[in-house]
């Protein structure tokens, strides 16, 4: 039902945190085979994307008691959608999901952007 290719989508504006989420999604043989959820920062004070910033230990979610750094949680959400599809993510009204073990970050923008990419693949 989807055309093969790589599709991208990003939020229109930066969030209050200073980050703007983006998703790159690849479809092969009509199936999602890769998803990359990342973000850019509002100014050049953080010149790298959010996953790399988090991997470098600079985002600091573990210090606040989180179950994992942002990049770990993003990868968990990506993998979940690859295995179960976007509808299985079941985003609650507060922007979180109970579906993904080890993911306690807001996933509403991720859900929205994946759906934007899929809409592009259907055109």
PDB file of N, CA and C in Angstrom:
ATOM      1  N   UNK A   1       0.809  -1.204   0.000  1.00  0.00           N
ATOM      2  CA  UNK A   1       0.000   0.000   0.000  1.00  0.00           C
ATOM      3  C   UNK A   1       0.851   1.266   0.000  1.00  0.00           C
ATOM      4  N   UNK A   2       2.134   1.140   0.283  1.00  0.00           N
ATOM      5  CA  UNK A   2       3.031   2.303   0.288  1.00  0.00           C
ATOM      6  C   UNK A   2       4.041   2.198  -0.840  1.00  0.00           C
ATOM      7  N   UNK A   3       4.381   3.361  -1.412  1.00  0.00           N
ATOM      8  CA  UNK A   3       5.439   3.422  -2.438  1.00  0.00           C
ATOM      9  C   UNK A   3       6.796   3.331  -1.760  1.00  0.00           C
ATOM     10  N   UNK A   4       7.697   2.614  -2.385  1.00  0.00           N
ATOM     11  CA  UNK A   4       9.058   2.514  -1.871  1.00  0.00           C
ATOM     12  C   UNK A   4       9.741   3.875  -1.935  1.00  0.00           C
ATOM     13  N   UNK A   5      10.616   4.122  -0.980  1.00  0.00           N
ATOM     14  CA  UNK A   5      11.368   5.360  -0.948  1.00  0.00           C
ATOM     15  C   UNK A   5      11.682   5.774   0.479  1.00  0.00           C
ATOM     16  N   UNK A   6      12.334   6.903   0.586  1.00  0.00           N
ATOM     17  CA  UNK A   6      12.653   7.481   1.890  1.00  0.00           C
ATOM     18  C   UNK A   6      11.891   8.788   2.012  1.00  0.00           C
ATOM     19  N   UNK A   7      11.194   8.937   3.115  1.00  0.00           N
ATOM     20  CA  UNK A   7      10.312  10.071   3.345  1.00  0.00           C
ATOM     21  C   UNK A   7      10.727  10.776   4.638  1.00  0.00           C
ATOM     22  N   UNK A   8      10.597  12.097   4.642  1.00  0.00           N
ATOM     23  CA  UNK A   8      10.966  12.869   5.824  1.00  0.00           C
ATOM     24  C   UNK A   8       9.841  13.826   6.203  1.00  0.00           C
ATOM     25  N   UNK A   9       9.780  14.109   7.493  1.00  0.00           N
ATOM     26  CA  UNK A   9       8.829  15.081   8.016  1.00  0.00           C
ATOM     27  C   UNK A   9       9.434  15.688   9.271  1.00  0.00           C
ATOM     28  N   UNK A  10       9.110  16.947   9.511  1.00  0.00           N
ATOM     29  CA  UNK A  10       9.564  17.594  10.743  1.00  0.00           C
ATOM     30  C   UNK A  10       8.474  18.530  11.244  1.00  0.00           C
ATOM     31  N   UNK A  11       8.524  18.803  12.530  1.00  0.00           N
ATOM     32  CA  UNK A  11       7.562  19.729  13.108  1.00  0.00           C
ATOM     33  C   UNK A  11       7.739  21.102  12.481  1.00  0.00           C
ATOM     34  N   UNK A  12       6.680  21.862  12.428  1.00  0.00           N
ATOM     35  CA  UNK A  12       6.724  23.208  11.847  1.00  0.00           C
ATOM     36  C   UNK A  12       7.549  24.161  12.699  1.00  0.00           C
ATOM     37  N   UNK A  13       7.431  24.029  14.027  1.00  0.00           N
ATOM     38  CA  UNK A  13       8.088  24.969  14.936  1.00  0.00           C
ATOM     39  C   UNK A  13       8.895  24.228  15.989  1.00  0.00           C
ATOM     40  N   UNK A  14       9.812  24.946  16.588  1.00  0.00           N
ATOM     41  CA  UNK A  14      10.576  24.407  17.703  1.00  0.00           C
ATOM     42  C   UNK A  14       9.680  24.342  18.933  1.00  0.00           C
ATOM     43  N   UNK A  15       9.850  23.286  19.723  1.00  0.00           N
ATOM     44  CA  UNK A  15       9.081  23.153  20.951  1.00  0.00           C
ATOM     45  C   UNK A  15       9.685  24.049  22.031  1.00  0.00           C
ATOM     46  N   UNK A  16       9.001  24.204  23.160  1.00  0.00           N
ATOM     47  CA  UNK A  16       9.484  25.062  24.244  1.00  0.00           C
ATOM     48  C   UNK A  16      10.832  24.586  24.778  1.00  0.00           C
ATOM     49  N   UNK A  17      11.157  23.323  24.585  1.00  0.00           N
ATOM     50  CA  UNK A  17      12.451  22.785  25.006  1.00  0.00           C
ATOM     51  C   UNK A  17      13.592  23.255  24.108  1.00  0.00           C
ATOM     52  N   UNK A  18      13.252  23.839  22.957  1.00  0.00           N
ATOM     53  CA  UNK A  18      14.262  24.277  22.001  1.00  0.00           C
ATOM     54  C   UNK A  18      14.515  23.280  20.884  1.00  0.00           C
ATOM     55  N   UNK A  19      13.924  22.099  20.966  1.00  0.00           N
ATOM     56  CA  UNK A  19      14.129  21.051  19.963  1.00  0.00           C
ATOM     57  C   UNK A  19      12.979  21.000  18.966  1.00  0.00           C
ATOM     58  N   UNK A  20      13.302  20.624  17.739  1.00  0.00           N
ATOM     59  CA  UNK A  20      12.303  20.391  16.692  1.00  0.00           C
ATOM     60  C   UNK A  20      12.481  18.954  16.205  1.00  0.00           C
ATOM     61  N   UNK A  21      11.470  18.127  16.467  1.00  0.00           N
ATOM     62  CA  UNK A  21      11.534  16.718  16.079  1.00  0.00           C
ATOM     63  C   UNK A  21      11.419  16.546  14.579  1.00  0.00           C
ATOM     64  N   UNK A  22      12.053  15.463  14.103  1.00  0.00           N
ATOM     65  CA  UNK A  22      12.009  15.088  12.695  1.00  0.00           C
ATOM     66  C   UNK A  22      12.062  13.570  12.595  1.00  0.00           C
ATOM     67  N   UNK A  23      11.506  13.050  11.531  1.00  0.00           N
ATOM     68  CA  UNK A  23      11.519  11.611  11.277  1.00  0.00           C
ATOM     69  C   UNK A  23      11.910  11.373   9.828  1.00  0.00           C
ATOM     70  N   UNK A  24      12.757  10.376   9.643  1.00  0.00           N
ATOM     71  CA  UNK A  24      13.069   9.864   8.312  1.00  0.00           C
ATOM     72  C   UNK A  24      12.631   8.405   8.298  1.00  0.00           C
ATOM     73  N   UNK A  25      11.856   8.033   7.295  1.00  0.00           N
ATOM     74  CA  UNK A  25      11.252   6.709   7.235  1.00  0.00           C
ATOM     75  C   UNK A  25      11.512   6.109   5.859  1.00  0.00           C
ATOM     76  N   UNK A  26      11.957   4.864   5.822  1.00  0.00           N
ATOM     77  CA  UNK A  26      12.261   4.187   4.561  1.00  0.00           C
ATOM     78  C   UNK A  26      11.305   3.011   4.361  1.00  0.00           C
ATOM     79  N   UNK A  27      10.778   2.933   3.156  1.00  0.00           N
ATOM     80  CA  UNK A  27       9.867   1.853   2.777  1.00  0.00           C
ATOM     81  C   UNK A  27      10.486   1.070   1.624  1.00  0.00           C
ATOM     82  N   UNK A  28      10.486  -0.250   1.779  1.00  0.00           N
ATOM     83  CA  UNK A  28      10.942  -1.155   0.716  1.00  0.00           C
ATOM     84  C   UNK A  28       9.896  -2.252   0.557  1.00  0.00           C
ATOM     85  N   UNK A  29       9.573  -2.572  -0.658  1.00  0.00           N
ATOM     86  CA  UNK A  29       8.560  -3.586  -0.960  1.00  0.00           C
ATOM     87  C   UNK A  29       7.256  -3.311  -0.206  1.00  0.00           C
ATOM     88  N   UNK A  30       6.914  -2.022  -0.078  1.00  0.00           N
ATOM     89  CA  UNK A  30       5.669  -1.625   0.545  1.00  0.00           C
ATOM     90  C   UNK A  30       5.649  -1.667   2.062  1.00  0.00           C
ATOM     91  N   UNK A  31       6.776  -2.011   2.694  1.00  0.00           N
ATOM     92  CA  UNK A  31       6.858  -2.137   4.155  1.00  0.00           C
ATOM     93  C   UNK A  31       7.868  -1.155   4.739  1.00  0.00           C
ATOM     94  N   UNK A  32       7.597  -0.675   5.937  1.00  0.00           N
ATOM     95  CA  UNK A  32       8.557   0.183   6.638  1.00  0.00           C
ATOM     96  C   UNK A  32       9.748  -0.676   7.050  1.00  0.00           C
ATOM     97  N   UNK A  33      10.956  -0.273   6.632  1.00  0.00           N
ATOM     98  CA  UNK A  33      12.160  -1.038   6.977  1.00  0.00           C
ATOM     99  C   UNK A  33      13.119  -0.249   7.853  1.00  0.00           C
ATOM    100  N   UNK A  34      12.938   1.069   7.943  1.00  0.00           N
ATOM    101  CA  UNK A  34      13.821   1.873   8.786  1.00  0.00           C
ATOM    102  C   UNK A  34      13.100   3.147   9.203  1.00  0.00           C
ATOM    103  N   UNK A  35      13.343   3.537  10.450  1.00  0.00           N
ATOM    104  CA  UNK A  35      12.815   4.793  10.977  1.00  0.00           C
ATOM    105  C   UNK A  35      13.923   5.449  11.782  1.00  0.00           C
ATOM    106  N   UNK A  36      14.102   6.738  11.573  1.00  0.00           N
ATOM    107  CA  UNK A  36      15.051   7.501  12.378  1.00  0.00           C
ATOM    108  C   UNK A  36      14.327   8.715  12.954  1.00  0.00           C
ATOM    109  N   UNK A  37      14.161   8.720  14.270  1.00  0.00           N
ATOM    110  CA  UNK A  37      13.545   9.837  14.993  1.00  0.00           C
ATOM    111  C   UNK A  37      14.671  10.647  15.598  1.00  0.00           C
ATOM    112  N   UNK A  38      14.731  11.931  15.274  1.00  0.00           N
ATOM    113  CA  UNK A  38      15.794  12.788  15.764  1.00  0.00           C
ATOM    114  C   UNK A  38      15.240  14.195  15.946  1.00  0.00           C
ATOM    115  N   UNK A  39      16.095  15.143  16.252  1.00  0.00           N
ATOM    116  CA  UNK A  39      15.665  16.534  16.434  1.00  0.00           C
ATOM    117  C   UNK A  39      16.855  17.458  16.235  1.00  0.00           C
ATOM    118  N   UNK A  40      16.543  18.712  15.883  1.00  0.00           N
ATOM    119  CA  UNK A  40      17.570  19.749  15.804  1.00  0.00           C
ATOM    120  C   UNK A  40      17.254  20.801  16.858  1.00  0.00           C
ATOM    121  N   UNK A  41      18.292  21.544  17.253  1.00  0.00           N
ATOM    122  CA  UNK A  41      18.119  22.559  18.283  1.00  0.00           C
ATOM    123  C   UNK A  41      17.899  23.930  17.651  1.00  0.00           C
ATOM    124  N   UNK A  42      17.233  24.802  18.378  1.00  0.00           N
ATOM    125  CA  UNK A  42      16.791  26.098  17.878  1.00  0.00           C
ATOM    126  C   UNK A  42      17.945  27.027  17.465  1.00  0.00           C
ATOM    127  N   UNK A  43      19.087  26.890  18.096  1.00  0.00           N
ATOM    128  CA  UNK A  43      20.208  27.755  17.718  1.00  0.00           C
ATOM    129  C   UNK A  43      21.484  26.923  17.615  1.00  0.00           C
ATOM    130  N   UNK A  44      22.565  27.570  17.295  1.00  0.00           N
ATOM    131  CA  UNK A  44      23.825  26.865  17.060  1.00  0.00           C
ATOM    132  C   UNK A  44      24.576  26.507  18.336  1.00  0.00           C
ATOM    133  N   UNK A  45      23.985  26.773  19.513  1.00  0.00           N
ATOM    134  CA  UNK A  45      24.665  26.419  20.756  1.00  0.00           C
ATOM    135  C   UNK A  45      24.775  24.897  20.902  1.00  0.00           C
ATOM    136  N   UNK A  46      23.899  24.163  20.236  1.00  0.00           N
ATOM    137  CA  UNK A  46      23.989  22.707  20.178  1.00  0.00           C
ATOM    138  C   UNK A  46      24.021  22.341  18.693  1.00  0.00           C
ATOM    139  N   UNK A  47      25.221  22.219  18.119  1.00  0.00           N
ATOM    140  CA  UNK A  47      25.344  22.039  16.670  1.00  0.00           C
ATOM    141  C   UNK A  47      25.090  20.614  16.171  1.00  0.00           C
ATOM    142  N   UNK A  48      24.826  19.676  17.085  1.00  0.00           N
ATOM    143  CA  UNK A  48      24.580  18.298  16.660  1.00  0.00           C
ATOM    144  C   UNK A  48      23.120  17.935  16.915  1.00  0.00           C
ATOM    145  N   UNK A  49      22.673  16.900  16.268  1.00  0.00           N
ATOM    146  CA  UNK A  49      21.285  16.451  16.450  1.00  0.00           C
ATOM    147  C   UNK A  49      21.104  15.802  17.817  1.00  0.00           C
ATOM    148  N   UNK A  50      19.855  15.685  18.212  1.00  0.00           N
ATOM    149  CA  UNK A  50      19.509  15.254  19.571  1.00  0.00           C
ATOM    150  C   UNK A  50      20.011  13.845  19.899  1.00  0.00           C
ATOM    151  N   UNK A  51      19.934  12.910  18.962  1.00  0.00           N
ATOM    152  CA  UNK A  51      20.422  11.556  19.258  1.00  0.00           C
ATOM    153  C   UNK A  51      21.906  11.578  19.599  1.00  0.00           C
ATOM    154  N   UNK A  52      22.691  12.278  18.796  1.00  0.00           N
ATOM    155  CA  UNK A  52      24.131  12.342  19.045  1.00  0.00           C
ATOM    156  C   UNK A  52      24.416  13.102  20.341  1.00  0.00           C
ATOM    157  N   UNK A  53      23.691  14.160  20.570  1.00  0.00           N
ATOM    158  CA  UNK A  53      23.824  14.952  21.799  1.00  0.00           C
ATOM    159  C   UNK A  53      23.542  14.055  23.010  1.00  0.00           C
ATOM    160  N   UNK A  54      22.500  13.269  22.919  1.00  0.00           N
ATOM    161  CA  UNK A  54      22.135  12.350  23.995  1.00  0.00           C
ATOM    162  C   UNK A  54      23.177  11.245  24.163  1.00  0.00           C
ATOM    163  N   UNK A  55      23.630  10.665  23.050  1.00  0.00           N
ATOM    164  CA  UNK A  55      24.659   9.610  23.108  1.00  0.00           C
ATOM    165  C   UNK A  55      25.943  10.118  23.747  1.00  0.00           C
ATOM    166  N   UNK A  56      26.226  11.395  23.572  1.00  0.00           N
ATOM    167  CA  UNK A  56      27.425  11.995  24.149  1.00  0.00           C
ATOM    168  C   UNK A  56      27.299  12.217  25.650  1.00  0.00           C
ATOM    169  N   UNK A  57      26.101  11.970  26.202  1.00  0.00           N
ATOM    170  CA  UNK A  57      25.880  12.153  27.628  1.00  0.00           C
ATOM    171  C   UNK A  57      25.513  13.566  28.012  1.00  0.00           C
ATOM    172  N   UNK A  58      25.288  14.430  27.027  1.00  0.00           N
ATOM    173  CA  UNK A  58      25.033  15.839  27.313  1.00  0.00           C
ATOM    174  C   UNK A  58      23.568  16.148  27.601  1.00  0.00           C
ATOM    175  N   UNK A  59      22.656  15.261  27.188  1.00  0.00           N
ATOM    176  CA  UNK A  59      21.236  15.518  27.409  1.00  0.00           C
ATOM    177  C   UNK A  59      20.842  15.221  28.855  1.00  0.00           C
ATOM    178  N   UNK A  60      21.484  14.221  29.461  1.00  0.00           N
ATOM    179  CA  UNK A  60      21.408  13.992  30.895  1.00  0.00           C
ATOM    180  C   UNK A  60      20.094  13.498  31.463  1.00  0.00           C
ATOM    181  N   UNK A  61      19.384  12.632  30.761  1.00  0.00           N
ATOM    182  CA  UNK A  61      18.124  12.127  31.299  1.00  0.00           C
ATOM    183  C   UNK A  61      18.326  11.149  32.452  1.00  0.00           C
ATOM    184  N   UNK A  62      19.407  10.377  32.437  1.00  0.00           N
ATOM    185  CA  UNK A  62      19.643   9.423  33.519  1.00  0.00           C
ATOM    186  C   UNK A  62      19.855  10.125  34.853  1.00  0.00           C
ATOM    187  N   UNK A  63      20.425  11.312  34.816  1.00  0.00           N
ATOM    188  CA  UNK A  63      20.660  12.091  36.033  1.00  0.00           C
ATOM    189  C   UNK A  63      19.338  12.427  36.720  1.00  0.00           C
ATOM    190  N   UNK A  64      18.289  12.581  35.933  1.00  0.00           N
ATOM    191  CA  UNK A  64      16.979  12.935  36.490  1.00  0.00           C
ATOM    192  C   UNK A  64      16.159  11.704  36.871  1.00  0.00           C
ATOM    193  N   UNK A  65      16.744  10.514  36.749  1.00  0.00           N
ATOM    194  CA  UNK A  65      16.058   9.297  37.136  1.00  0.00           C
ATOM    195  C   UNK A  65      15.293   8.611  36.019  1.00  0.00           C
ATOM    196  N   UNK A  66      15.501   9.022  34.776  1.00  0.00           N
ATOM    197  CA  UNK A  66      14.805   8.407  33.640  1.00  0.00           C
ATOM    198  C   UNK A  66      15.272   6.955  33.461  1.00  0.00           C
ATOM    199  N   UNK A  67      14.457   6.162  32.779  1.00  0.00           N
ATOM    200  CA  UNK A  67      14.789   4.756  32.541  1.00  0.00           C
ATOM    201  C   UNK A  67      15.893   4.585  31.504  1.00  0.00           C
ATOM    202  N   UNK A  68      16.162   5.616  30.742  1.00  0.00           N
ATOM    203  CA  UNK A  68      17.210   5.559  29.726  1.00  0.00           C
ATOM    204  C   UNK A  68      17.415   6.935  29.122  1.00  0.00           C
ATOM    205  N   UNK A  69      18.537   7.096  28.455  1.00  0.00           N
ATOM    206  CA  UNK A  69      18.799   8.353  27.767  1.00  0.00           C
ATOM    207  C   UNK A  69      17.812   8.519  26.618  1.00  0.00           C
ATOM    208  N   UNK A  70      17.693   9.743  26.127  1.00  0.00           N
ATOM    209  CA  UNK A  70      16.711  10.018  25.086  1.00  0.00           C
ATOM    210  C   UNK A  70      16.915   9.133  23.864  1.00  0.00           C
ATOM    211  N   UNK A  71      18.163   8.980  23.430  1.00  0.00           N
ATOM    212  CA  UNK A  71      18.405   8.190  22.223  1.00  0.00           C
ATOM    213  C   UNK A  71      17.975   6.735  22.412  1.00  0.00           C
ATOM    214  N   UNK A  72      18.159   6.163  23.606  1.00  0.00           N
ATOM    215  CA  UNK A  72      17.723   4.789  23.874  1.00  0.00           C
ATOM    216  C   UNK A  72      16.205   4.678  23.752  1.00  0.00           C
ATOM    217  N   UNK A  73      15.515   5.673  24.286  1.00  0.00           N
ATOM    218  CA  UNK A  73      14.063   5.652  24.253  1.00  0.00           C
ATOM    219  C   UNK A  73      13.537   5.882  22.833  1.00  0.00           C
ATOM    220  N   UNK A  74      14.213   6.742  22.086  1.00  0.00           N
ATOM    221  CA  UNK A  74      13.831   6.973  20.691  1.00  0.00           C
ATOM    222  C   UNK A  74      14.004   5.697  19.877  1.00  0.00           C
ATOM    223  N   UNK A  75      15.106   5.012  20.085  1.00  0.00           N
ATOM    224  CA  UNK A  75      15.356   3.756  19.364  1.00  0.00           C
ATOM    225  C   UNK A  75      14.311   2.708  19.746  1.00  0.00           C
ATOM    226  N   UNK A  76      13.918   2.668  21.012  1.00  0.00           N
ATOM    227  CA  UNK A  76      12.891   1.716  21.451  1.00  0.00           C
ATOM    228  C   UNK A  76      11.564   2.001  20.736  1.00  0.00           C
ATOM    229  N   UNK A  77      11.216   3.271  20.617  1.00  0.00           N
ATOM    230  CA  UNK A  77       9.974   3.639  19.921  1.00  0.00           C
ATOM    231  C   UNK A  77      10.066   3.286  18.441  1.00  0.00           C
ATOM    232  N   UNK A  78      11.200   3.579  17.822  1.00  0.00           N
ATOM    233  CA  UNK A  78      11.389   3.238  16.405  1.00  0.00           C
ATOM    234  C   UNK A  78      11.223   1.735  16.188  1.00  0.00           C
ATOM    235  N   UNK A  79      11.908   0.964  17.010  1.00  0.00           N
ATOM    236  CA  UNK A  79      11.877  -0.498  16.876  1.00  0.00           C
ATOM    237  C   UNK A  79      10.465  -1.042  17.086  1.00  0.00           C
ATOM    238  N   UNK A  80       9.767  -0.472  18.040  1.00  0.00           N
ATOM    239  CA  UNK A  80       8.402  -0.921  18.309  1.00  0.00           C
ATOM    240  C   UNK A  80       7.513  -0.710  17.080  1.00  0.00           C
ATOM    241  N   UNK A  81       7.607   0.453  16.473  1.00  0.00           N
ATOM    242  CA  UNK A  81       6.789   0.740  15.290  1.00  0.00           C
ATOM    243  C   UNK A  81       7.204  -0.154  14.121  1.00  0.00           C
ATOM    244  N   UNK A  82       8.494  -0.417  13.976  1.00  0.00           N
ATOM    245  CA  UNK A  82       8.947  -1.328  12.923  1.00  0.00           C
ATOM    246  C   UNK A  82       8.330  -2.717  13.099  1.00  0.00           C
ATOM    247  N   UNK A  83       8.238  -3.168  14.333  1.00  0.00           N
ATOM    248  CA  UNK A  83       7.742  -4.516  14.607  1.00  0.00           C
ATOM    249  C   UNK A  83       6.214  -4.610  14.648  1.00  0.00           C
ATOM    250  N   UNK A  84       5.550  -3.541  15.125  1.00  0.00           N
ATOM    251  CA  UNK A  84       4.120  -3.635  15.398  1.00  0.00           C
ATOM    252  C   UNK A  84       3.251  -2.672  14.586  1.00  0.00           C
ATOM    253  N   UNK A  85       3.853  -1.698  13.932  1.00  0.00           N
ATOM    254  CA  UNK A  85       3.098  -0.700  13.184  1.00  0.00           C
ATOM    255  C   UNK A  85       2.760   0.513  14.034  1.00  0.00           C
ATOM    256  N   UNK A  86       2.471   1.617  13.380  1.00  0.00           N
ATOM    257  CA  UNK A  86       2.248   2.886  14.077  1.00  0.00           C
ATOM    258  C   UNK A  86       0.971   2.863  14.915  1.00  0.00           C
ATOM    259  N   UNK A  87      -0.052   2.162  14.492  1.00  0.00           N
ATOM    260  CA  UNK A  87      -1.296   2.134  15.259  1.00  0.00           C
ATOM    261  C   UNK A  87      -1.128   1.465  16.618  1.00  0.00           C
ATOM    262  N   UNK A  88      -0.186   0.549  16.733  1.00  0.00           N
ATOM    263  CA  UNK A  88       0.052  -0.144  18.001  1.00  0.00           C
ATOM    264  C   UNK A  88       0.700   0.768  19.046  1.00  0.00           C
ATOM    265  N   UNK A  89       1.253   1.901  18.634  1.00  0.00           N
ATOM    266  CA  UNK A  89       1.913   2.820  19.571  1.00  0.00           C
ATOM    267  C   UNK A  89       0.929   3.370  20.601  1.00  0.00           C
ATOM    268  N   UNK A  90      -0.299   3.581  20.227  1.00  0.00           N
ATOM    269  CA  UNK A  90      -1.376   4.005  21.127  1.00  0.00           C
ATOM    270  C   UNK A  90      -0.958   5.170  22.035  1.00  0.00           C
ATOM    271  N   UNK A  91      -0.822   6.331  21.437  1.00  0.00           N
ATOM    272  CA  UNK A  91      -0.426   7.528  22.172  1.00  0.00           C
ATOM    273  C   UNK A  91      -1.595   8.024  23.012  1.00  0.00           C
ATOM    274  N   UNK A  92      -1.335   8.226  24.293  1.00  0.00           N
ATOM    275  CA  UNK A  92      -2.362   8.747  25.203  1.00  0.00           C
ATOM    276  C   UNK A  92      -2.542  10.247  24.981  1.00  0.00           C
ATOM    277  N   UNK A  93      -3.594  10.806  25.551  1.00  0.00           N
ATOM    278  CA  UNK A  93      -3.874  12.243  25.430  1.00  0.00           C
ATOM    279  C   UNK A  93      -2.746  13.109  25.977  1.00  0.00           C
ATOM    280  N   UNK A  94      -1.970  12.579  26.932  1.00  0.00           N
ATOM    281  CA  UNK A  94      -0.865  13.343  27.512  1.00  0.00           C
ATOM    282  C   UNK A  94       0.428  13.230  26.709  1.00  0.00           C
ATOM    283  N   UNK A  95       0.393  12.517  25.570  1.00  0.00           N
ATOM    284  CA  UNK A  95       1.561  12.423  24.689  1.00  0.00           C
ATOM    285  C   UNK A  95       2.472  11.240  24.944  1.00  0.00           C
ATOM    286  N   UNK A  96       2.183  10.448  25.963  1.00  0.00           N
ATOM    287  CA  UNK A  96       2.998   9.274  26.292  1.00  0.00           C
ATOM    288  C   UNK A  96       2.332   8.013  25.741  1.00  0.00           C
ATOM    289  N   UNK A  97       3.072   6.905  25.811  1.00  0.00           N
ATOM    290  CA  UNK A  97       2.525   5.609  25.443  1.00  0.00           C
ATOM    291  C   UNK A  97       2.902   4.592  26.509  1.00  0.00           C
ATOM    292  N   UNK A  98       2.026   3.635  26.721  1.00  0.00           N
ATOM    293  CA  UNK A  98       2.330   2.516  27.614  1.00  0.00           C
ATOM    294  C   UNK A  98       2.785   1.303  26.817  1.00  0.00           C
ATOM    295  N   UNK A  99       2.759   1.401  25.501  1.00  0.00           N
ATOM    296  CA  UNK A  99       3.027   0.252  24.633  1.00  0.00           C
ATOM    297  C   UNK A  99       4.498  -0.121  24.567  1.00  0.00           C
ATOM    298  N   UNK A 100       5.392   0.842  24.724  1.00  0.00           N
ATOM    299  CA  UNK A 100       6.815   0.608  24.488  1.00  0.00           C
ATOM    300  C   UNK A 100       7.568   0.510  25.813  1.00  0.00           C
ATOM    301  N   UNK A 101       8.043  -0.672  26.124  1.00  0.00           N
ATOM    302  CA  UNK A 101       8.845  -0.867  27.326  1.00  0.00           C
ATOM    303  C   UNK A 101      10.124  -0.045  27.218  1.00  0.00           C
ATOM    304  N   UNK A 102      10.433   0.696  28.257  1.00  0.00           N
ATOM    305  CA  UNK A 102      11.655   1.491  28.267  1.00  0.00           C
ATOM    306  C   UNK A 102      11.532   2.832  27.578  1.00  0.00           C
ATOM    307  N   UNK A 103      10.321   3.252  27.273  1.00  0.00           N
ATOM    308  CA  UNK A 103      10.119   4.546  26.622  1.00  0.00           C
ATOM    309  C   UNK A 103       9.173   5.382  27.478  1.00  0.00           C
ATOM    310  N   UNK A 104       9.747   6.391  28.133  1.00  0.00           N
ATOM    311  CA  UNK A 104       8.949   7.249  29.012  1.00  0.00           C
ATOM    312  C   UNK A 104       8.930   8.696  28.533  1.00  0.00           C
ATOM    313  N   UNK A 105       9.383   8.936  27.309  1.00  0.00           N
ATOM    314  CA  UNK A 105       9.364  10.286  26.745  1.00  0.00           C
ATOM    315  C   UNK A 105       8.067  10.486  25.966  1.00  0.00           C
ATOM    316  N   UNK A 106       7.732  11.749  25.724  1.00  0.00           N
ATOM    317  CA  UNK A 106       6.583  12.054  24.881  1.00  0.00           C
ATOM    318  C   UNK A 106       6.814  11.468  23.491  1.00  0.00           C
ATOM    319  N   UNK A 107       5.820  10.805  22.956  1.00  0.00           N
ATOM    320  CA  UNK A 107       5.941  10.217  21.623  1.00  0.00           C
ATOM    321  C   UNK A 107       4.913  10.786  20.642  1.00  0.00           C
ATOM    322  N   UNK A 108       4.165  11.782  21.075  1.00  0.00           N
ATOM    323  CA  UNK A 108       3.110  12.317  20.202  1.00  0.00           C
ATOM    324  C   UNK A 108       3.679  12.899  18.909  1.00  0.00           C
ATOM    325  N   UNK A 109       4.800  13.617  18.984  1.00  0.00           N
ATOM    326  CA  UNK A 109       5.379  14.169  17.757  1.00  0.00           C
ATOM    327  C   UNK A 109       5.946  13.054  16.876  1.00  0.00           C
ATOM    328  N   UNK A 110       6.515  12.036  17.479  1.00  0.00           N
ATOM    329  CA  UNK A 110       7.014  10.890  16.729  1.00  0.00           C
ATOM    330  C   UNK A 110       5.865  10.233  15.964  1.00  0.00           C
ATOM    331  N   UNK A 111       4.761   9.978  16.648  1.00  0.00           N
ATOM    332  CA  UNK A 111       3.580   9.391  16.033  1.00  0.00           C
ATOM    333  C   UNK A 111       3.097  10.258  14.862  1.00  0.00           C
ATOM    334  N   UNK A 112       2.972  11.549  15.109  1.00  0.00           N
ATOM    335  CA  UNK A 112       2.507  12.495  14.093  1.00  0.00           C
ATOM    336  C   UNK A 112       3.423  12.481  12.868  1.00  0.00           C
ATOM    337  N   UNK A 113       4.731  12.510  13.098  1.00  0.00           N
ATOM    338  CA  UNK A 113       5.687  12.593  11.990  1.00  0.00           C
ATOM    339  C   UNK A 113       5.759  11.284  11.196  1.00  0.00           C
ATOM    340  N   UNK A 114       5.672  10.155  11.875  1.00  0.00           N
ATOM    341  CA  UNK A 114       5.626   8.878  11.153  1.00  0.00           C
ATOM    342  C   UNK A 114       4.403   8.853  10.256  1.00  0.00           C
ATOM    343  N   UNK A 115       3.277   9.295  10.771  1.00  0.00           N
ATOM    344  CA  UNK A 115       2.045   9.330   9.970  1.00  0.00           C
ATOM    345  C   UNK A 115       2.166  10.304   8.790  1.00  0.00           C
ATOM    346  N   UNK A 116       2.883  11.395   8.980  1.00  0.00           N
ATOM    347  CA  UNK A 116       3.131  12.335   7.883  1.00  0.00           C
ATOM    348  C   UNK A 116       3.954  11.664   6.782  1.00  0.00           C
ATOM    349  N   UNK A 117       4.975  10.927   7.180  1.00  0.00           N
ATOM    350  CA  UNK A 117       5.804  10.214   6.198  1.00  0.00           C
ATOM    351  C   UNK A 117       4.973   9.167   5.454  1.00  0.00           C
ATOM    352  N   UNK A 118       4.137   8.445   6.178  1.00  0.00           N
ATOM    353  CA  UNK A 118       3.305   7.420   5.534  1.00  0.00           C
ATOM    354  C   UNK A 118       2.310   8.048   4.569  1.00  0.00           C
ATOM    355  N   UNK A 119       1.793   9.213   4.917  1.00  0.00           N
ATOM    356  CA  UNK A 119       0.875   9.919   4.010  1.00  0.00           C
ATOM    357  C   UNK A 119       1.585  10.295   2.709  1.00  0.00           C
ATOM    358  N   UNK A 120       2.850  10.707   2.819  1.00  0.00           N
ATOM    359  CA  UNK A 120       3.628  11.011   1.614  1.00  0.00           C
ATOM    360  C   UNK A 120       3.799   9.769   0.747  1.00  0.00           C
ATOM    361  N   UNK A 121       3.997   8.612   1.394  1.00  0.00           N
ATOM    362  CA  UNK A 121       4.230   7.370   0.665  1.00  0.00           C
ATOM    363  C   UNK A 121       2.982   6.867  -0.050  1.00  0.00           C
ATOM    364  N   UNK A 122       1.813   7.379   0.338  1.00  0.00           N
ATOM    365  CA  UNK A 122       0.558   6.939  -0.277  1.00  0.00           C
ATOM    366  C   UNK A 122       0.171   7.802  -1.471  1.00  0.00           C
ATOM    367  N   UNK A 123       0.799   8.922  -1.670  1.00  0.00           N
ATOM    368  CA  UNK A 123       0.414   9.854  -2.738  1.00  0.00           C
ATOM    369  C   UNK A 123       0.803   9.340  -4.106  1.00  0.00           C
TER     370      UNK A 123
END
